[in-house]
């Protein structure tokens, strides 16, 4: 996972925190990116790499957080 996350960070910028071990899921990673488009790009890279390496990861949920300035304009 660290190799995949390094590849994502190089491709789209930002940073990835984790893994965390929440009660509601097996693993939690937090992706920090500057634009929504980058989050989508990070997800596409993640799925491609996980599939290529045949890792048993399936996202449970996605949550998106924005700053008040981003939300209200």
N, C-alpha and C. Protein backbone atom coordinates (compact mmCIF):
# COMPACT_ATOMS: atom_id res chain seq x y z
N UNK A 1 0.82 -1.18 0.00
CA UNK A 1 0.00 0.00 0.00
C UNK A 1 0.87 1.26 0.00
N UNK A 2 1.98 1.22 0.71
CA UNK A 2 2.85 2.39 0.73
C UNK A 2 3.38 2.72 -0.66
N UNK A 3 3.72 1.71 -1.45
CA UNK A 3 4.19 1.93 -2.82
C UNK A 3 3.09 2.55 -3.67
N UNK A 4 1.87 2.04 -3.52
CA UNK A 4 0.74 2.58 -4.28
C UNK A 4 0.50 4.03 -3.88
N UNK A 5 0.52 4.30 -2.59
CA UNK A 5 0.28 5.67 -2.14
C UNK A 5 1.38 6.62 -2.58
N UNK A 6 2.61 6.17 -2.60
CA UNK A 6 3.71 7.01 -3.10
C UNK A 6 3.49 7.36 -4.57
N UNK A 7 3.03 6.38 -5.33
CA UNK A 7 2.75 6.61 -6.75
C UNK A 7 1.63 7.64 -6.93
N UNK A 8 0.60 7.53 -6.11
CA UNK A 8 -0.51 8.48 -6.17
C UNK A 8 -0.03 9.89 -5.81
N UNK A 9 0.74 10.01 -4.73
CA UNK A 9 1.22 11.32 -4.30
C UNK A 9 2.08 11.97 -5.37
N UNK A 10 2.91 11.19 -6.06
CA UNK A 10 3.75 11.74 -7.13
C UNK A 10 2.90 12.18 -8.32
N UNK A 11 1.84 11.43 -8.62
CA UNK A 11 1.03 11.72 -9.80
C UNK A 11 0.09 12.90 -9.60
N UNK A 12 -0.53 13.02 -8.42
CA UNK A 12 -1.56 14.04 -8.24
C UNK A 12 -1.20 15.11 -7.21
N UNK A 13 -0.09 14.94 -6.52
CA UNK A 13 0.26 15.88 -5.46
C UNK A 13 -0.48 15.52 -4.18
N UNK A 14 -0.45 16.43 -3.24
CA UNK A 14 -1.13 16.18 -1.97
C UNK A 14 -0.38 15.17 -1.12
N UNK A 15 -1.10 14.64 -0.15
CA UNK A 15 -0.49 13.64 0.74
C UNK A 15 -1.55 12.67 1.22
N UNK A 16 -1.09 11.54 1.69
CA UNK A 16 -1.99 10.50 2.19
C UNK A 16 -1.58 10.16 3.62
N UNK A 17 -2.55 10.14 4.51
CA UNK A 17 -2.31 9.77 5.91
C UNK A 17 -2.89 8.39 6.17
N UNK A 18 -2.26 7.66 7.02
CA UNK A 18 -2.78 6.36 7.42
C UNK A 18 -1.71 5.29 7.32
N UNK A 19 -2.03 4.10 7.60
CA UNK A 19 -3.38 3.59 7.85
C UNK A 19 -3.83 3.84 9.29
N UNK A 20 -5.11 4.09 9.42
CA UNK A 20 -5.76 4.15 10.72
C UNK A 20 -6.63 2.91 10.83
N UNK A 21 -6.95 2.54 12.04
CA UNK A 21 -7.75 1.33 12.28
C UNK A 21 -9.05 1.72 12.99
N UNK A 22 -10.03 2.24 12.25
CA UNK A 22 -11.29 2.67 12.86
C UNK A 22 -12.17 1.47 13.23
N UNK A 23 -13.16 1.72 14.05
CA UNK A 23 -14.07 0.64 14.45
C UNK A 23 -15.02 0.24 13.33
N UNK A 24 -15.29 1.17 12.41
CA UNK A 24 -16.30 0.90 11.38
C UNK A 24 -15.75 0.28 10.10
N UNK A 25 -14.43 0.10 10.00
CA UNK A 25 -13.83 -0.46 8.79
C UNK A 25 -12.51 -1.12 9.16
N UNK A 26 -11.95 -1.83 8.22
CA UNK A 26 -10.68 -2.50 8.47
C UNK A 26 -9.53 -1.50 8.47
N UNK A 27 -9.48 -0.65 7.46
CA UNK A 27 -8.43 0.37 7.33
C UNK A 27 -9.03 1.69 6.91
N UNK A 28 -8.36 2.79 7.29
CA UNK A 28 -8.79 4.11 6.88
C UNK A 28 -7.56 4.88 6.41
N UNK A 29 -7.65 5.45 5.22
CA UNK A 29 -6.62 6.34 4.70
C UNK A 29 -7.26 7.68 4.41
N UNK A 30 -6.55 8.76 4.65
CA UNK A 30 -7.05 10.10 4.38
C UNK A 30 -6.20 10.71 3.28
N UNK A 31 -6.85 11.09 2.19
CA UNK A 31 -6.19 11.71 1.04
C UNK A 31 -6.40 13.22 1.12
N UNK A 32 -5.33 13.99 1.13
CA UNK A 32 -5.41 15.46 1.10
C UNK A 32 -4.97 15.92 -0.28
N UNK A 33 -5.87 16.54 -1.02
CA UNK A 33 -5.56 17.06 -2.35
C UNK A 33 -6.14 18.47 -2.48
N UNK A 34 -5.64 19.23 -3.46
CA UNK A 34 -6.05 20.61 -3.62
C UNK A 34 -7.37 20.79 -4.36
N UNK A 35 -7.72 19.86 -5.24
CA UNK A 35 -8.92 20.00 -6.06
C UNK A 35 -9.66 18.67 -6.12
N UNK A 36 -10.98 18.74 -6.29
CA UNK A 36 -11.79 17.52 -6.38
C UNK A 36 -11.30 16.61 -7.50
N UNK A 37 -10.90 17.21 -8.62
CA UNK A 37 -10.44 16.41 -9.76
C UNK A 37 -9.26 15.53 -9.36
N UNK A 38 -8.42 16.02 -8.50
CA UNK A 38 -7.26 15.24 -8.04
C UNK A 38 -7.70 14.04 -7.22
N UNK A 39 -8.77 14.18 -6.46
CA UNK A 39 -9.28 13.06 -5.68
C UNK A 39 -9.77 11.95 -6.60
N UNK A 40 -10.48 12.32 -7.65
CA UNK A 40 -10.93 11.33 -8.63
C UNK A 40 -9.76 10.64 -9.30
N UNK A 41 -8.75 11.42 -9.68
CA UNK A 41 -7.56 10.85 -10.31
C UNK A 41 -6.84 9.90 -9.35
N UNK A 42 -6.75 10.28 -8.08
CA UNK A 42 -6.12 9.41 -7.08
C UNK A 42 -6.87 8.08 -6.97
N UNK A 43 -8.20 8.15 -6.99
CA UNK A 43 -9.00 6.92 -6.92
C UNK A 43 -8.78 6.01 -8.11
N UNK A 44 -8.67 6.60 -9.29
CA UNK A 44 -8.44 5.78 -10.49
C UNK A 44 -7.08 5.09 -10.43
N UNK A 45 -6.06 5.81 -9.97
CA UNK A 45 -4.73 5.20 -9.83
C UNK A 45 -4.77 4.09 -8.78
N UNK A 46 -5.45 4.36 -7.66
CA UNK A 46 -5.57 3.37 -6.59
C UNK A 46 -6.19 2.07 -7.10
N UNK A 47 -7.34 2.19 -7.77
CA UNK A 47 -8.02 0.98 -8.29
C UNK A 47 -7.16 0.23 -9.29
N UNK A 48 -6.50 0.95 -10.17
CA UNK A 48 -5.66 0.30 -11.18
C UNK A 48 -4.53 -0.47 -10.52
N UNK A 49 -3.87 0.14 -9.56
CA UNK A 49 -2.74 -0.51 -8.90
C UNK A 49 -3.17 -1.68 -8.03
N UNK A 50 -4.26 -1.54 -7.29
CA UNK A 50 -4.75 -2.62 -6.45
C UNK A 50 -5.15 -3.81 -7.32
N UNK A 51 -5.81 -3.53 -8.44
CA UNK A 51 -6.21 -4.61 -9.36
C UNK A 51 -5.00 -5.29 -9.98
N UNK A 52 -4.03 -4.48 -10.40
CA UNK A 52 -2.83 -5.03 -11.03
C UNK A 52 -2.08 -5.96 -10.08
N UNK A 53 -2.03 -5.58 -8.81
CA UNK A 53 -1.30 -6.38 -7.82
C UNK A 53 -2.18 -7.42 -7.13
N UNK A 54 -3.46 -7.46 -7.52
CA UNK A 54 -4.42 -8.42 -6.97
C UNK A 54 -4.51 -8.38 -5.45
N UNK A 55 -4.56 -7.15 -4.91
CA UNK A 55 -4.71 -6.97 -3.47
C UNK A 55 -6.19 -7.00 -3.10
N UNK A 56 -6.54 -7.57 -1.95
CA UNK A 56 -7.94 -7.73 -1.58
C UNK A 56 -8.54 -6.50 -0.90
N UNK A 57 -8.41 -5.33 -1.50
CA UNK A 57 -8.96 -4.11 -0.91
C UNK A 57 -10.21 -3.68 -1.66
N UNK A 58 -11.27 -3.42 -0.92
CA UNK A 58 -12.51 -2.92 -1.49
C UNK A 58 -12.96 -1.74 -0.63
N UNK A 59 -13.11 -0.56 -1.22
CA UNK A 59 -13.56 0.59 -0.42
C UNK A 59 -14.92 0.35 0.19
N UNK A 60 -15.07 0.74 1.44
CA UNK A 60 -16.33 0.61 2.15
C UNK A 60 -17.18 1.85 1.92
N UNK A 61 -16.62 3.01 2.15
CA UNK A 61 -17.31 4.28 1.93
C UNK A 61 -16.29 5.34 1.54
N UNK A 62 -16.81 6.42 0.99
CA UNK A 62 -16.00 7.60 0.70
C UNK A 62 -16.64 8.77 1.41
N UNK A 63 -15.84 9.62 1.99
CA UNK A 63 -16.34 10.84 2.59
C UNK A 63 -15.47 11.97 2.09
N UNK A 64 -16.11 13.08 1.72
CA UNK A 64 -15.39 14.23 1.20
C UNK A 64 -15.61 15.39 2.16
N UNK A 65 -14.52 16.03 2.56
CA UNK A 65 -14.60 17.19 3.44
C UNK A 65 -14.02 18.40 2.71
N UNK A 66 -14.66 19.54 2.90
CA UNK A 66 -14.18 20.77 2.28
C UNK A 66 -14.14 21.87 3.33
N UNK A 67 -13.39 22.92 3.03
CA UNK A 67 -13.33 24.07 3.94
C UNK A 67 -14.60 24.90 3.77
N UNK A 68 -14.94 25.73 4.75
CA UNK A 68 -16.12 26.60 4.59
C UNK A 68 -16.02 27.49 3.34
N UNK A 69 -14.82 27.97 3.03
CA UNK A 69 -14.65 28.81 1.84
C UNK A 69 -14.98 28.03 0.57
N UNK A 70 -14.54 26.77 0.50
CA UNK A 70 -14.83 25.94 -0.66
C UNK A 70 -16.33 25.66 -0.77
N UNK A 71 -16.98 25.44 0.37
CA UNK A 71 -18.39 25.09 0.37
C UNK A 71 -19.29 26.28 0.01
N UNK A 72 -19.01 27.43 0.63
CA UNK A 72 -19.86 28.60 0.43
C UNK A 72 -19.43 29.50 -0.72
N UNK A 73 -18.22 29.26 -1.27
CA UNK A 73 -17.76 30.04 -2.41
C UNK A 73 -17.02 31.29 -2.07
